[in-house]
Protein backbone atom coordinates (compact mmCIF):
# COMPACT_ATOMS: atom_id res chain seq x y z
CA MET A 1 28.00 3.21 -37.86
CA THR A 2 27.76 1.28 -41.22
CA ASP A 3 25.08 -1.18 -42.28
CA ALA A 4 27.59 -4.00 -41.40
CA ASP A 5 27.93 -2.49 -37.92
CA LEU A 6 24.01 -2.46 -37.76
CA ALA A 7 23.94 -6.14 -38.76
CA ARG A 8 26.43 -7.03 -35.86
CA LEU A 9 24.49 -4.87 -33.47
CA GLN A 10 21.35 -6.68 -34.36
CA GLN A 11 22.82 -10.16 -33.76
CA ARG A 12 24.45 -9.14 -30.48
CA ALA A 13 21.36 -7.57 -29.28
CA LEU A 14 19.29 -10.76 -30.02
CA VAL A 15 21.82 -12.87 -28.28
CA VAL A 16 21.91 -10.65 -25.14
CA GLY A 17 18.15 -10.39 -25.10
CA GLY A 18 17.76 -14.23 -25.47
CA VAL A 19 20.24 -15.04 -22.75
CA ALA A 20 18.72 -12.33 -20.43
CA LEU A 21 15.35 -13.58 -21.01
CA MET A 22 16.23 -17.21 -20.05
CA VAL A 23 17.98 -15.86 -16.87
CA SER A 24 14.94 -13.82 -16.09
CA ALA A 25 12.61 -16.79 -16.58
CA ALA A 26 14.78 -18.78 -14.07
CA GLY A 27 14.57 -15.77 -11.63
CA ALA A 28 10.80 -15.69 -11.99
CA MET A 29 10.52 -19.05 -10.60
CA LEU A 30 12.64 -18.12 -7.59
CA ASP A 31 11.09 -14.65 -6.95
CA PRO A 32 7.97 -13.99 -9.01
CA GLY A 33 7.36 -10.67 -7.30
CA ALA A 34 10.84 -9.16 -8.06
CA PHE A 35 10.65 -10.52 -11.57
CA LEU A 36 7.28 -8.90 -12.11
CA GLY A 37 8.40 -5.67 -10.67
CA GLY A 38 11.49 -5.53 -12.84
CA TRP A 39 9.63 -6.70 -15.89
CA LEU A 40 6.84 -3.98 -15.56
CA ALA A 41 9.53 -1.27 -15.23
CA SER A 42 11.46 -2.36 -17.91
CA PHE A 43 8.38 -2.71 -20.03
CA LEU A 44 7.40 0.82 -19.37
CA PHE A 45 10.82 2.06 -20.24
CA TRP A 46 11.15 0.29 -23.45
CA LEU A 47 7.62 1.01 -24.50
CA GLY A 48 8.17 4.75 -23.84
CA ILE A 49 10.77 4.95 -26.65
CA PRO A 50 8.56 3.84 -29.57
CA LEU A 51 5.52 5.82 -28.23
CA GLY A 52 7.74 8.84 -27.73
CA CYS A 53 8.94 8.46 -31.25
CA LEU A 54 5.40 8.18 -32.46
CA VAL A 55 4.74 11.54 -30.82
CA ILE A 56 7.84 13.07 -32.42
CA ILE A 57 6.71 11.99 -35.88
CA GLN A 58 3.31 13.68 -35.48
CA LEU A 59 4.80 16.76 -33.85
CA HIS A 60 7.08 17.07 -36.83
CA TYR A 61 4.27 16.82 -39.25
CA LEU A 62 2.21 19.38 -37.43
CA SER A 63 5.21 21.87 -37.02
CA GLY A 64 7.43 21.24 -39.92
CA GLY A 65 11.17 21.95 -39.65
CA ALA A 66 14.32 20.31 -41.02
CA TRP A 67 15.09 18.70 -37.61
CA GLY A 68 12.27 16.17 -38.14
CA VAL A 69 13.89 14.79 -41.33
CA VAL A 70 17.10 13.78 -39.31
CA VAL A 71 15.25 11.48 -36.98
CA ARG A 72 11.99 10.41 -38.96
CA ARG A 73 13.13 7.06 -40.27
CA ILE A 74 14.69 6.31 -36.72
CA ALA A 75 11.48 7.25 -35.20
CA GLU A 76 9.23 5.36 -37.68
CA SER A 77 11.35 2.19 -37.21
CA ALA A 78 11.04 2.46 -33.35
CA ALA A 79 7.24 2.98 -33.63
CA ALA A 80 7.00 -0.02 -35.74
CA THR A 81 8.03 -2.17 -32.93
CA ILE A 82 5.05 -1.54 -30.82
CA PRO A 83 3.51 -5.06 -31.57
CA LEU A 84 6.50 -6.67 -30.00
CA LEU A 85 6.10 -4.72 -26.99
CA ALA A 86 2.48 -5.93 -26.88
CA LEU A 87 4.01 -9.49 -26.53
CA ALA A 88 6.14 -8.27 -23.69
CA PHE A 89 2.99 -7.39 -22.03
CA VAL A 90 1.85 -10.99 -21.76
CA PRO A 91 3.84 -12.03 -18.46
CA LEU A 92 2.28 -9.04 -16.68
CA ALA A 93 -1.22 -10.26 -17.88
CA PHE A 94 -0.66 -13.54 -16.15
CA GLY A 95 0.86 -12.11 -13.00
CA LEU A 96 -1.56 -9.32 -12.31
CA ARG A 97 -2.49 -10.54 -8.86
CA LEU A 98 1.14 -10.46 -7.67
CA VAL A 99 1.56 -6.77 -8.87
CA PHE A 100 -1.79 -5.09 -8.43
CA VAL A 101 -3.63 -5.08 -5.12
CA TRP A 102 -7.00 -4.38 -6.85
CA ALA A 103 -6.55 -7.69 -8.89
CA ARG A 104 -6.81 -9.89 -5.68
CA PRO A 105 -10.47 -10.71 -4.74
CA GLU A 106 -9.48 -11.13 -1.06
CA ALA A 107 -7.95 -7.63 -0.93
CA VAL A 108 -10.98 -6.16 -2.54
CA ALA A 109 -13.37 -7.78 -0.31
CA VAL A 110 -12.00 -6.03 2.78
CA ALA A 111 -11.44 -2.67 1.15
CA PRO A 112 -14.64 -0.51 0.61
CA ASP A 113 -12.89 2.18 -1.64
CA LEU A 114 -11.54 -0.73 -3.89
CA GLN A 115 -15.20 -2.06 -4.22
CA GLU A 116 -16.12 1.27 -5.41
CA LYS A 117 -13.41 1.27 -8.08
CA ALA A 118 -13.99 -2.27 -9.08
CA ALA A 119 -16.15 -1.40 -12.16
CA TYR A 120 -12.93 0.05 -13.65
CA LEU A 121 -10.28 -1.84 -11.80
CA ASN A 122 -10.93 -5.37 -12.70
CA VAL A 123 -8.91 -7.92 -14.60
CA PRO A 124 -11.06 -8.34 -17.78
CA PHE A 125 -11.61 -4.71 -18.29
CA PHE A 126 -7.93 -4.05 -17.58
CA LEU A 127 -6.86 -6.41 -20.32
CA VAL A 128 -9.45 -5.20 -22.72
CA ARG A 129 -8.24 -1.76 -22.26
CA ALA A 130 -4.58 -2.80 -22.93
CA LEU A 131 -5.78 -4.48 -26.14
CA VAL A 132 -7.31 -1.06 -27.24
CA TYR A 133 -4.21 0.90 -26.42
CA PHE A 134 -1.97 -1.40 -28.48
CA ALA A 135 -4.53 -1.53 -31.39
CA ALA A 136 -4.62 2.11 -31.43
CA TRP A 137 -0.86 2.78 -31.19
CA THR A 138 0.03 0.15 -33.79
CA ALA A 139 -2.68 1.56 -36.35
CA ILE A 140 -1.30 5.14 -36.14
CA ALA A 141 2.31 3.84 -36.41
CA SER A 142 1.60 1.59 -39.26
CA ILE A 143 -0.31 4.29 -41.25
CA LEU A 144 2.40 6.84 -40.99
CA ARG A 145 5.15 4.51 -41.94
CA ARG A 146 3.30 3.05 -44.82
CA TRP A 147 2.52 6.62 -46.22
CA SER A 148 6.14 7.63 -45.65
CA LEU A 149 7.70 4.74 -47.37
CA ARG A 150 5.27 4.97 -50.29
CA ARG A 151 6.30 8.61 -50.79
CA ASP A 152 9.78 7.31 -51.28
CA GLU A 153 8.82 5.80 -54.59
CA VAL A 154 6.44 8.42 -55.84
CA ALA A 155 5.74 12.05 -54.91
CA ASP A 156 2.77 12.27 -52.64
CA PRO A 157 -0.22 13.81 -54.34
CA TYR A 158 -1.87 14.56 -50.93
CA PRO A 159 0.94 15.95 -48.72
CA ARG A 160 -1.61 17.57 -46.26
CA ARG A 161 -2.89 14.28 -45.19
CA PHE A 162 0.18 13.79 -42.93
CA ARG A 163 -0.78 17.02 -41.09
CA LEU A 164 -4.42 16.36 -41.09
CA PHE A 165 -3.78 12.82 -39.74
CA ALA A 166 -1.19 13.83 -37.01
CA GLY A 167 -3.67 16.19 -35.10
CA PRO A 168 -6.17 13.43 -34.38
CA GLY A 169 -3.32 10.92 -33.86
CA LEU A 170 -2.08 12.95 -31.09
CA VAL A 171 -5.50 13.36 -29.49
CA VAL A 172 -5.90 9.41 -29.54
CA TYR A 173 -2.23 9.09 -28.13
CA GLY A 174 -3.25 11.60 -25.24
CA LEU A 175 -6.24 9.85 -24.38
CA THR A 176 -4.87 6.40 -24.48
CA ILE A 177 -1.65 7.16 -22.61
CA THR A 178 -3.70 8.86 -19.79
CA PHE A 179 -5.60 5.74 -19.16
CA ALA A 180 -2.53 3.56 -19.65
CA ALA A 181 -0.72 5.61 -17.06
CA ILE A 182 -3.53 5.10 -14.66
CA ASP A 183 -3.67 1.28 -15.36
CA TRP A 184 -0.05 0.47 -15.41
CA GLY A 185 1.39 2.97 -13.04
CA MET A 186 -0.86 4.84 -10.82
CA SER A 187 -3.03 1.80 -10.06
CA LEU A 188 -0.20 0.07 -8.23
CA ASP A 189 -1.35 2.14 -5.30
CA PRO A 190 -5.25 2.18 -6.08
CA HIS A 191 -5.84 4.32 -2.78
CA TRP A 192 -3.85 7.19 -4.53
CA TYR A 193 -4.24 9.41 -7.46
CA SER A 194 -2.73 12.48 -9.16
CA THR A 195 -3.95 14.48 -12.10
CA ALA A 196 -0.44 15.24 -13.03
CA TYR A 197 0.77 11.70 -13.15
CA PRO A 198 -0.53 10.86 -16.65
CA VAL A 199 1.09 14.03 -17.92
CA MET A 200 4.44 13.27 -16.28
CA PHE A 201 4.09 9.82 -17.60
CA GLY A 202 3.55 10.89 -21.22
CA LEU A 203 6.27 13.54 -21.12
CA GLY A 204 8.75 11.07 -19.96
CA GLN A 205 7.95 8.94 -23.13
CA VAL A 206 8.57 11.94 -25.35
CA VAL A 207 11.89 12.64 -23.50
CA SER A 208 12.82 8.98 -24.14
CA GLY A 209 11.92 9.23 -27.72
CA PHE A 210 14.00 12.25 -28.34
CA ALA A 211 16.97 11.01 -26.40
CA PHE A 212 17.03 7.59 -28.32
CA SER A 213 16.36 9.17 -31.79
CA ILE A 214 19.27 11.73 -31.19
CA ALA A 215 21.75 9.12 -29.89
CA LEU A 216 21.27 6.87 -32.72
CA ALA A 217 21.17 9.72 -35.34
CA MET A 218 24.60 10.66 -34.06
CA ALA A 219 25.78 7.09 -34.34
CA LEU A 220 24.52 6.74 -37.98
CA ARG A 221 25.98 10.04 -39.12
CA GLU A 222 28.93 8.38 -41.01
CA GLN A 223 26.46 6.81 -43.46
CA GLU A 224 25.87 8.76 -46.70
CA PRO A 225 23.77 10.69 -47.78
CA PHE A 226 22.31 10.57 -44.10
CA GLY A 227 25.50 12.17 -42.76
CA ARG A 228 24.58 15.58 -44.67
CA LEU A 229 21.54 15.85 -42.64
CA VAL A 230 23.46 15.86 -39.42
CA ARG A 231 24.38 19.53 -39.49
CA PRO A 232 25.00 21.74 -36.67
CA ALA A 233 21.76 23.82 -37.12
CA ASN A 234 19.71 20.63 -37.00
CA LEU A 235 21.69 19.42 -33.91
CA ILE A 236 20.74 22.72 -32.08
CA ASP A 237 17.15 22.19 -32.93
CA LEU A 238 17.19 18.61 -31.58
CA GLY A 239 19.16 19.62 -28.61
CA ASN A 240 16.70 22.52 -27.91
CA LEU A 241 13.67 20.07 -28.22
CA LEU A 242 15.27 17.63 -25.87
CA LEU A 243 15.86 20.44 -23.28
CA THR A 244 12.35 21.52 -23.75
CA PHE A 245 10.70 18.19 -22.78
CA VAL A 246 13.20 17.55 -20.03
CA LEU A 247 12.08 20.89 -18.50
CA LEU A 248 8.43 20.13 -18.99
CA TRP A 249 8.97 16.69 -17.45
CA ALA A 250 10.89 18.29 -14.43
CA TYR A 251 8.12 21.07 -14.00
CA VAL A 252 5.29 18.50 -13.88
CA SER A 253 7.20 16.22 -11.60
CA PHE A 254 8.02 19.02 -9.14
CA ALA A 255 4.56 20.41 -9.39
CA GLN A 256 2.88 17.20 -8.34
CA PHE A 257 5.47 16.86 -5.41
CA MET A 258 4.87 20.27 -4.28
CA LEU A 259 1.02 20.11 -4.43
CA ILE A 260 1.05 16.90 -2.27
CA TRP A 261 3.73 18.09 0.03
CA SER A 262 1.88 21.49 0.85
CA GLY A 263 -1.54 19.65 1.09
CA ASN A 264 0.06 16.92 3.62
CA ILE A 265 -2.90 14.56 3.21
CA ARG A 266 -2.13 11.21 4.38
CA GLU A 267 -3.72 9.33 1.60
CA GLU A 268 -1.51 11.34 -0.93
CA THR A 269 1.70 11.38 1.07
CA THR A 270 2.09 7.77 1.44
CA TRP A 271 3.09 7.52 -2.38
CA TYR A 272 6.11 9.57 -1.87
CA LEU A 273 7.04 8.14 1.63
CA ALA A 274 7.27 4.78 -0.05
CA ARG A 275 9.56 6.23 -2.64
CA GLU A 276 11.84 7.94 -0.19
CA THR A 277 12.80 4.99 2.14
CA GLY A 278 14.84 1.76 1.63
CA GLY A 279 17.42 3.48 -0.50
CA TRP A 280 15.00 5.15 -2.89
CA LEU A 281 15.98 8.59 -1.52
CA ALA A 282 19.45 8.12 -3.30
CA VAL A 283 17.62 7.52 -6.48
CA ILE A 284 15.64 10.81 -6.21
CA LEU A 285 18.87 12.64 -5.81
CA VAL A 286 20.52 10.91 -8.73
CA LEU A 287 17.27 11.84 -10.83
CA MET A 288 17.37 15.42 -9.73
CA ALA A 289 21.07 15.73 -10.75
CA ALA A 290 21.34 13.59 -13.73
CA HIS A 291 17.86 13.73 -15.33
CA PHE A 292 17.27 17.41 -14.89
CA GLY A 293 20.25 19.47 -13.47
CA LEU A 294 23.18 18.16 -15.66
CA PRO A 295 21.32 18.03 -18.89
CA PHE A 296 19.85 21.45 -18.29
CA ALA A 297 23.20 22.95 -17.61
CA LEU A 298 24.85 21.27 -20.67
CA LEU A 299 21.93 21.84 -23.26
CA LEU A 300 22.10 25.54 -22.51
CA HIS A 301 25.40 25.87 -24.31
CA ARG A 302 24.97 25.86 -28.12
CA PRO A 303 28.62 24.55 -28.71
CA LEU A 304 27.90 21.49 -26.89
CA LYS A 305 24.61 20.93 -29.01
CA ARG A 306 26.55 21.40 -32.24
CA ASP A 307 29.11 18.67 -31.38
CA PRO A 308 27.64 15.25 -32.33
CA ARG A 309 29.69 13.31 -29.74
CA THR A 310 28.66 15.61 -26.90
CA LEU A 311 25.08 15.65 -27.80
CA ALA A 312 24.90 11.90 -28.09
CA ALA A 313 26.53 11.51 -24.68
CA ILE A 314 23.94 13.90 -23.19
CA ALA A 315 20.97 11.90 -24.90
CA LEU A 316 22.38 8.72 -23.54
CA LEU A 317 22.69 10.07 -20.02
CA VAL A 318 19.02 11.11 -20.20
CA LEU A 319 17.84 7.77 -21.50
CA ALA A 320 19.71 5.89 -18.66
CA MET A 321 17.88 8.24 -16.24
CA ARG A 322 14.63 7.48 -17.94
CA LEU A 323 15.12 3.71 -16.99
CA LEU A 324 16.08 4.65 -13.51
CA ASP A 325 12.96 6.76 -13.16
CA CYS A 326 10.72 3.98 -14.50
CA PHE A 327 12.01 1.67 -11.57
CA TRP A 328 11.64 4.42 -9.11
CA LEU A 329 7.91 4.80 -10.16
CA VAL A 330 7.28 1.22 -10.16
CA VAL A 331 9.14 -0.95 -7.85
CA PRO A 332 8.29 0.78 -4.55
CA GLY A 333 4.61 0.33 -5.23
CA ILE A 334 4.83 -3.40 -5.50
CA PRO A 335 4.20 -5.21 -2.06
CA GLY A 336 7.19 -6.93 -0.86
CA ALA A 337 9.47 -5.37 -3.40
CA HIS A 338 13.16 -5.11 -2.88
CA ALA A 339 15.17 -1.85 -3.15
CA PHE A 340 17.44 -3.72 -5.41
CA HIS A 341 17.47 -7.31 -6.98
CA TRP A 342 19.62 -8.90 -9.70
CA LEU A 343 16.42 -9.23 -11.80
CA TYR A 344 16.38 -5.60 -12.01
CA LEU A 345 19.53 -5.81 -14.28
CA THR A 346 18.31 -8.80 -16.31
CA THR A 347 14.89 -7.79 -17.20
CA PRO A 348 15.87 -4.50 -18.90
CA LEU A 349 18.27 -6.53 -20.98
CA ALA A 350 15.82 -9.25 -21.83
CA ILE A 351 13.22 -6.78 -23.19
CA GLY A 352 15.76 -4.28 -24.53
CA GLY A 353 17.92 -6.89 -26.35
CA LEU A 354 14.88 -8.39 -28.19
CA TRP A 355 13.38 -4.86 -28.95
CA ALA A 356 16.77 -3.57 -30.17
CA GLY A 357 17.04 -6.58 -32.60
CA ALA A 358 13.66 -5.84 -33.95
CA PHE A 359 14.10 -2.15 -34.13
CA VAL A 360 17.52 -2.60 -36.17
CA TRP A 361 15.79 -5.09 -38.48
CA ARG A 362 13.04 -2.43 -39.17
CA LEU A 363 15.67 0.37 -39.65
CA ARG A 364 17.86 -1.64 -42.03
CA GLY A 365 14.93 -2.16 -44.41
CA VAL A 366 14.52 1.48 -45.27
CA PRO A 367 16.54 4.37 -46.61
CA LEU A 368 17.62 6.75 -43.74
CA VAL A 369 16.90 9.86 -45.98
CA PRO A 370 13.23 10.12 -46.83
CA GLY A 371 12.50 10.53 -50.52
CA ASN A 372 10.37 13.04 -52.31
CA GLU A 373 10.60 15.19 -49.13
CA PRO A 374 11.09 18.97 -49.71
CA LEU A 375 12.50 19.51 -46.24
CA VAL A 376 15.55 17.18 -47.10
CA GLU A 377 17.22 19.96 -49.09
CA GLN A 378 16.48 22.35 -46.44
CA ALA A 379 17.95 20.17 -43.77
CA MET A 380 21.20 19.38 -45.88
CA THR A 381 21.85 23.14 -46.34
CA ALA A 382 20.75 24.35 -42.99
CA HIS A 383 23.22 26.91 -41.45
CA GLY A 384 23.64 27.41 -37.72
CA HIS A 385 25.97 29.20 -35.31
């Protein structure tokens, strides 16, 4: 994919996003509940990519390794789009009462347990927390990107500051994404809770970040000198990291299910019962096979990870399953939601098209190979079998 290809991709993405947005807006007037359900699921999916990329950048600064140089500029450009996704949150802010039971005063008035949680689950505090989350994520992404681009022009006199900043940055991410998972996902059913849910939520974002970064890096390998970074040894490392986080996501997801199933407490099992009926059981089977089983089997084989096309195909499969998983988590928890609605097709395209256009614009403005980075030479000469 050349720079001209990226320019065409940007234009097409913006056109698709704009058309899908208009169609979705028309659908919102016909069925506001279906629109907001699809919009929330789509928002969480697309937000997961830049946030997952933000985690990847910081993990690389803490751990080192040539693999990070391959995806760094892609991840930085993705993380720079977080403010755009803050704008995508606006329709949800105006439609809270159609999505969240706790946002309806008449529902809280007849539910003693919701009254006990009202100090946390109330509309003003919910919106303030969202502003804090986006401000924290934007600040971390902006600082890391600015430092990285500045190092392209002149050698960094304080290279340790990346590592020293990344540690606290990951702590801030861990805290904010925990509360964001509670606010935007778990509180769809305010009578239910799970300590594993925020962990599963965050791991899913890292999986999305790795899958997206890997797929795009493989698409950009024809550009030089970036193509010299896409070596078998680096591909194996990236494939192993994707496999690791897929396994972690699957482990936490299964652990949550097993604990709730073995406990068999009515207040806990209702969350899964809503996601096993009305066609959602088929979604579970697809996720088990294509989000875990198939990637696990394929990524165990080194020859498959060494091949850019195969690795990109696996990453795209995982990314598609992340979108399906977001819909499975969100839509069954919305009162009166449909198992399928045409708005579930247009809302991902609306947010995704506009986001992709902004991402490509950010990516085209920077060199794909970081400058004054000692790991670049190591990445270009890495050997793997």
